[in-house]
C-alpha atoms as a PDB file:
ATOM      1  CA  UNK A   1     131.486  86.265  85.685  1.00  0.00           C
ATOM      2  CA  UNK A   2     134.367  88.325  87.297  1.00  0.00           C
ATOM      3  CA  UNK A   3     134.062  88.946  91.138  1.00  0.00           C
ATOM      4  CA  UNK A   4     133.100  92.255  92.455  1.00  0.00           C
ATOM      5  CA  UNK A   5     134.825  93.454  95.549  1.00  0.00           C
ATOM      6  CA  UNK A   6     133.322  95.908  98.074  1.00  0.00           C
ATOM      7  CA  UNK A   7     134.679  96.624 101.521  1.00  0.00           C
ATOM      8  CA  UNK A   8     136.529  93.277 101.795  1.00  0.00           C
ATOM      9  CA  UNK A   9     133.549  91.230 100.573  1.00  0.00           C
ATOM     10  CA  UNK A  10     133.591  89.543  97.060  1.00  0.00           C
ATOM     11  CA  UNK A  11     130.301  89.022  95.150  1.00  0.00           C
ATOM     12  CA  UNK A  12     130.191  86.255  92.728  1.00  0.00           C
ATOM     13  CA  UNK A  13     126.788  85.477  91.208  1.00  0.00           C
ATOM     14  CA  UNK A  14     124.335  85.079  93.988  1.00  0.00           C
ATOM     15  CA  UNK A  15     127.002  84.477  96.763  1.00  0.00           C
ATOM     16  CA  UNK A  16     128.912  86.937  99.000  1.00  0.00           C
ATOM     17  CA  UNK A  17     132.401  85.726 100.199  1.00  0.00           C
ATOM     18  CA  UNK A  18     133.326  87.639 103.414  1.00  0.00           C
ATOM     19  CA  UNK A  19     136.811  88.170 104.717  1.00  0.00           C
ATOM     20  CA  UNK A  20     136.215  85.952 107.654  1.00  0.00           C
ATOM     21  CA  UNK A  21     135.721  82.975 105.185  1.00  0.00           C
ATOM     22  CA  UNK A  22     131.930  82.917 105.719  1.00  0.00           C
ATOM     23  CA  UNK A  23     129.719  82.510 102.567  1.00  0.00           C
ATOM     24  CA  UNK A  24     126.216  84.089 102.309  1.00  0.00           C
ATOM     25  CA  UNK A  25     123.665  83.477  99.627  1.00  0.00           C
ATOM     26  CA  UNK A  26     121.926  86.470  98.305  1.00  0.00           C
ATOM     27  CA  UNK A  27     118.168  86.114  98.185  1.00  0.00           C
ATOM     28  CA  UNK A  28     116.381  87.474  95.184  1.00  0.00           C
ATOM     29  CA  UNK A  29     113.302  89.648  95.781  1.00  0.00           C
ATOM     30  CA  UNK A  30     111.183  87.150  93.988  1.00  0.00           C
ATOM     31  CA  UNK A  31     112.323  84.383  96.344  1.00  0.00           C
ATOM     32  CA  UNK A  32     111.326  86.364  99.545  1.00  0.00           C
ATOM     33  CA  UNK A  33     107.973  85.990 101.178  1.00  0.00           C
ATOM     34  CA  UNK A  34     107.044  89.491 102.244  1.00  0.00           C
ATOM     35  CA  UNK A  35     104.445  89.902 105.112  1.00  0.00           C
ATOM     36  CA  UNK A  36     101.170  91.664 104.532  1.00  0.00           C
ATOM     37  CA  UNK A  37     102.058  94.613 106.746  1.00  0.00           C
ATOM     38  CA  UNK A  38     105.387  95.491 104.853  1.00  0.00           C
ATOM     39  CA  UNK A  39     103.811  98.800 103.903  1.00  0.00           C
ATOM     40  CA  UNK A  40     104.471 100.062 107.475  1.00  0.00           C
ATOM     41  CA  UNK A  41     108.230  99.987 106.725  1.00  0.00           C
ATOM     42  CA  UNK A  42     107.795 101.781 103.579  1.00  0.00           C
ATOM     43  CA  UNK A  43     105.652 104.424 105.351  1.00  0.00           C
ATOM     44  CA  UNK A  44     108.271 104.990 107.897  1.00  0.00           C
ATOM     45  CA  UNK A  45     110.881 105.479 105.335  1.00  0.00           C
ATOM     46  CA  UNK A  46     108.684 107.916 103.398  1.00  0.00           C
ATOM     47  CA  UNK A  47     107.926 109.862 106.488  1.00  0.00           C
ATOM     48  CA  UNK A  48     111.422 110.162 107.385  1.00  0.00           C
ATOM     49  CA  UNK A  49     112.445 111.436 104.022  1.00  0.00           C
ATOM     50  CA  UNK A  50     109.419 113.753 104.068  1.00  0.00           C
ATOM     51  CA  UNK A  51     110.433 115.162 107.283  1.00  0.00           C
ATOM     52  CA  UNK A  52     113.924 115.790 106.104  1.00  0.00           C
ATOM     53  CA  UNK A  53     112.816 117.584 103.051  1.00  0.00           C
ATOM     54  CA  UNK A  54     110.477 119.788 105.208  1.00  0.00           C
ATOM     55  CA  UNK A  55     113.280 120.608 107.526  1.00  0.00           C
ATOM     56  CA  UNK A  56     115.480 121.458 104.624  1.00  0.00           C
ATOM     57  CA  UNK A  57     112.807 123.915 103.305  1.00  0.00           C
ATOM     58  CA  UNK A  58     112.459 125.394 106.783  1.00  0.00           C
ATOM     59  CA  UNK A  59     116.322 125.676 107.327  1.00  0.00           C
ATOM     60  CA  UNK A  60     116.769 127.222 103.855  1.00  0.00           C
ATOM     61  CA  UNK A  61     113.940 129.782 104.630  1.00  0.00           C
ATOM     62  CA  UNK A  62     112.111 128.655 101.553  1.00  0.00           C
ATOM     63  CA  UNK A  63     108.698 129.328 103.033  1.00  0.00           C
ATOM     64  CA  UNK A  64     109.878 132.758 104.240  1.00  0.00           C
ATOM     65  CA  UNK A  65     111.137 133.750 100.888  1.00  0.00           C
ATOM     66  CA  UNK A  66     108.013 132.566  99.147  1.00  0.00           C
ATOM     67  CA  UNK A  67     105.758 134.441 101.710  1.00  0.00           C
ATOM     68  CA  UNK A  68     107.663 137.763 100.888  1.00  0.00           C
ATOM     69  CA  UNK A  69     107.940 137.399  97.112  1.00  0.00           C
ATOM     70  CA  UNK A  70     104.881 135.124  96.143  1.00  0.00           C
ATOM     71  CA  UNK A  71     104.719 133.011  92.991  1.00  0.00           C
ATOM     72  CA  UNK A  72     108.333 132.048  91.912  1.00  0.00           C
ATOM     73  CA  UNK A  73     109.829 129.894  89.214  1.00  0.00           C
ATOM     74  CA  UNK A  74     111.898 126.808  89.992  1.00  0.00           C
ATOM     75  CA  UNK A  75     115.050 128.749  88.654  1.00  0.00           C
ATOM     76  CA  UNK A  76     114.271 131.705  91.101  1.00  0.00           C
ATOM     77  CA  UNK A  77     113.753 129.401  94.077  1.00  0.00           C
ATOM     78  CA  UNK A  78     116.964 127.489  93.262  1.00  0.00           C
ATOM     79  CA  UNK A  79     119.117 130.776  93.259  1.00  0.00           C
ATOM     80  CA  UNK A  80     117.571 131.959  96.566  1.00  0.00           C
ATOM     81  CA  UNK A  81     117.501 128.828  98.765  1.00  0.00           C
ATOM     82  CA  UNK A  82     120.912 127.592  97.218  1.00  0.00           C
ATOM     83  CA  UNK A  83     119.727 124.089  96.306  1.00  0.00           C
ATOM     84  CA  UNK A  84     121.352 122.583  93.101  1.00  0.00           C
ATOM     85  CA  UNK A  85     119.078 122.832  90.002  1.00  0.00           C
ATOM     86  CA  UNK A  86     119.420 119.006  89.444  1.00  0.00           C
ATOM     87  CA  UNK A  87     117.349 118.490  92.640  1.00  0.00           C
ATOM     88  CA  UNK A  88     114.995 121.513  92.460  1.00  0.00           C
ATOM     89  CA  UNK A  89     112.070 119.975  90.409  1.00  0.00           C
ATOM     90  CA  UNK A  90     111.706 116.835  92.637  1.00  0.00           C
ATOM     91  CA  UNK A  91     112.279 118.826  95.749  1.00  0.00           C
ATOM     92  CA  UNK A  92     109.513 121.284  94.846  1.00  0.00           C
ATOM     93  CA  UNK A  93     107.245 118.656  93.585  1.00  0.00           C
ATOM     94  CA  UNK A  94     107.543 116.703  96.780  1.00  0.00           C
ATOM     95  CA  UNK A  95     106.655 119.859  98.808  1.00  0.00           C
ATOM     96  CA  UNK A  96     103.641 120.310  96.611  1.00  0.00           C
ATOM     97  CA  UNK A  97     102.624 116.709  97.010  1.00  0.00           C
ATOM     98  CA  UNK A  98     103.109 117.060 100.835  1.00  0.00           C
ATOM     99  CA  UNK A  99     100.697 120.043 100.833  1.00  0.00           C
ATOM    100  CA  UNK A 100     103.388 122.677 101.730  1.00  0.00           C
ATOM    101  CA  UNK A 101     103.551 124.449  98.366  1.00  0.00           C
ATOM    102  CA  UNK A 102     101.052 125.234  95.551  1.00  0.00           C
ATOM    103  CA  UNK A 103     102.012 124.991  91.861  1.00  0.00           C
ATOM    104  CA  UNK A 104     100.524 127.377  89.393  1.00  0.00           C
ATOM    105  CA  UNK A 105     101.899 126.465  86.018  1.00  0.00           C
ATOM    106  CA  UNK A 106     105.676 126.772  86.329  1.00  0.00           C
ATOM    107  CA  UNK A 107     105.503 128.819  89.511  1.00  0.00           C
ATOM    108  CA  UNK A 108     105.294 127.873  93.115  1.00  0.00           C
ATOM    109  CA  UNK A 109     103.910 129.583  96.354  1.00  0.00           C
ATOM    110  CA  UNK A 110     103.285 128.761  99.899  1.00  0.00           C
ATOM    111  CA  UNK A 111     100.125 126.703 100.871  1.00  0.00           C
ATOM    112  CA  UNK A 112      98.005 128.017 103.542  1.00  0.00           C
ATOM    113  CA  UNK A 113      99.473 125.660 106.106  1.00  0.00           C
ATOM    114  CA  UNK A 114     103.124 126.629 105.065  1.00  0.00           C
ATOM    115  CA  UNK A 115     102.082 130.227 105.187  1.00  0.00           C
ATOM    116  CA  UNK A 116     100.595 130.072 108.759  1.00  0.00           C
ATOM    117  CA  UNK A 117     102.921 127.560 110.346  1.00  0.00           C
ATOM    118  CA  UNK A 118     106.145 127.585 108.527  1.00  0.00           C
ATOM    119  CA  UNK A 119     106.960 131.281 108.044  1.00  0.00           C
ATOM    120  CA  UNK A 120     109.028 132.994 110.915  1.00  0.00           C
ATOM    121  CA  UNK A 121     107.018 136.191 110.833  1.00  0.00           C
ATOM    122  CA  UNK A 122     103.754 134.536 111.837  1.00  0.00           C
ATOM    123  CA  UNK A 123     102.686 134.175 115.587  1.00  0.00           C
ATOM    124  CA  UNK A 124     101.717 130.535 114.727  1.00  0.00           C
ATOM    125  CA  UNK A 125     105.207 129.648 113.462  1.00  0.00           C
ATOM    126  CA  UNK A 126     106.212 125.906 114.323  1.00  0.00           C
ATOM    127  CA  UNK A 127     109.448 125.653 112.384  1.00  0.00           C
ATOM    128  CA  UNK A 128     111.485 126.102 115.499  1.00  0.00           C
ATOM    129  CA  UNK A 129     109.787 123.280 117.289  1.00  0.00           C
ATOM    130  CA  UNK A 130     110.332 121.106 114.140  1.00  0.00           C
ATOM    131  CA  UNK A 131     114.017 121.812 114.106  1.00  0.00           C
ATOM    132  CA  UNK A 132     114.360 121.084 117.904  1.00  0.00           C
ATOM    133  CA  UNK A 133     112.497 117.883 117.381  1.00  0.00           C
ATOM    134  CA  UNK A 134     114.774 117.033 114.455  1.00  0.00           C
ATOM    135  CA  UNK A 135     117.974 117.685 116.446  1.00  0.00           C
ATOM    136  CA  UNK A 136     116.919 115.527 119.453  1.00  0.00           C
ATOM    137  CA  UNK A 137     119.520 112.678 119.679  1.00  0.00           C
ATOM    138  CA  UNK A 138     117.959 109.549 118.807  1.00  0.00           C
ATOM    139  CA  UNK A 139     121.166 107.658 117.825  1.00  0.00           C
ATOM    140  CA  UNK A 140     121.469 106.081 121.387  1.00  0.00           C
ATOM    141  CA  UNK A 141     117.896 105.058 122.009  1.00  0.00           C
ATOM    142  CA  UNK A 142     118.771 101.422 122.802  1.00  0.00           C
ATOM    143  CA  UNK A 143     121.242 102.518 125.603  1.00  0.00           C
ATOM    144  CA  UNK A 144     118.698 105.024 126.786  1.00  0.00           C
ATOM    145  CA  UNK A 145     115.966 102.438 126.935  1.00  0.00           C
ATOM    146  CA  UNK A 146     118.139 100.234 128.917  1.00  0.00           C
ATOM    147  CA  UNK A 147     119.474 102.955 131.289  1.00  0.00           C
ATOM    148  CA  UNK A 148     118.793 102.798 135.056  1.00  0.00           C
ATOM    149  CA  UNK A 149     117.953 106.516 135.137  1.00  0.00           C
ATOM    150  CA  UNK A 150     116.824 107.677 131.733  1.00  0.00           C
ATOM    151  CA  UNK A 151     115.479 110.948 132.924  1.00  0.00           C
ATOM    152  CA  UNK A 152     118.883 112.078 134.010  1.00  0.00           C
ATOM    153  CA  UNK A 153     120.472 110.905 130.676  1.00  0.00           C
ATOM    154  CA  UNK A 154     117.858 112.847 128.868  1.00  0.00           C
ATOM    155  CA  UNK A 155     118.324 115.903 131.110  1.00  0.00           C
ATOM    156  CA  UNK A 156     122.201 116.039 130.855  1.00  0.00           C
ATOM    157  CA  UNK A 157     122.936 114.588 127.397  1.00  0.00           C
ATOM    158  CA  UNK A 158     120.466 116.305 124.919  1.00  0.00           C
ATOM    159  CA  UNK A 159     119.560 119.899 124.025  1.00  0.00           C
ATOM    160  CA  UNK A 160     115.913 118.971 123.594  1.00  0.00           C
ATOM    161  CA  UNK A 161     115.039 119.012 127.338  1.00  0.00           C
ATOM    162  CA  UNK A 162     116.758 122.477 127.708  1.00  0.00           C
ATOM    163  CA  UNK A 163     113.879 124.012 125.862  1.00  0.00           C
ATOM    164  CA  UNK A 164     111.607 122.836 128.686  1.00  0.00           C
ATOM    165  CA  UNK A 165     113.799 123.904 131.517  1.00  0.00           C
ATOM    166  CA  UNK A 166     113.734 127.694 130.762  1.00  0.00           C
END
C-alpha cells in the first residue's frame, strides 16, 4: 500500500508517521468502547449545525420573503435567498424537520413559529437576538474562565454586552 501524505504526516495502513518521528496507531471504530452517554456529543453537534442553518435562514431573510410571498418552490426560494441549488433541498428539508417551515407538496411556507418569531415585521421578532447571540465571541472561553476579572473582559472585548449597556 502506498503511503498517503497529509500536512506532513504519512499514513500507512493503520499507522500515522508524524514529522517529529512519532508513530500513532489509528483505532478502528469497531475497536473503541463508546460510553453510554455518547449521544450527548452527537446532540451538541446537531444543535450547533441546526443553529447555524437557522441563522443562515434569518440572515438571508428567507422567513421574511416567505411571509410576504407565501407558498414557494425550492427553485423560487433558491433564487431569492441566493443559496446554491445543490444545497437547497437538504437546507429546506432540515428547516421543515426543525419546525420552521411547512412543506406542502413541492412548496414551502413559514411555520407559525417562524412567522411570529423570525420575520422582521412582527413585534415578536427574535432574529436580532439570535444573531447577537451567534456573534458573541466564544473562541476564547478558556482564557476568559481563567481571567482575574472576567466581567471587565466581557465588557471591553465583546459586542454582546453592548446591547445591554444602552
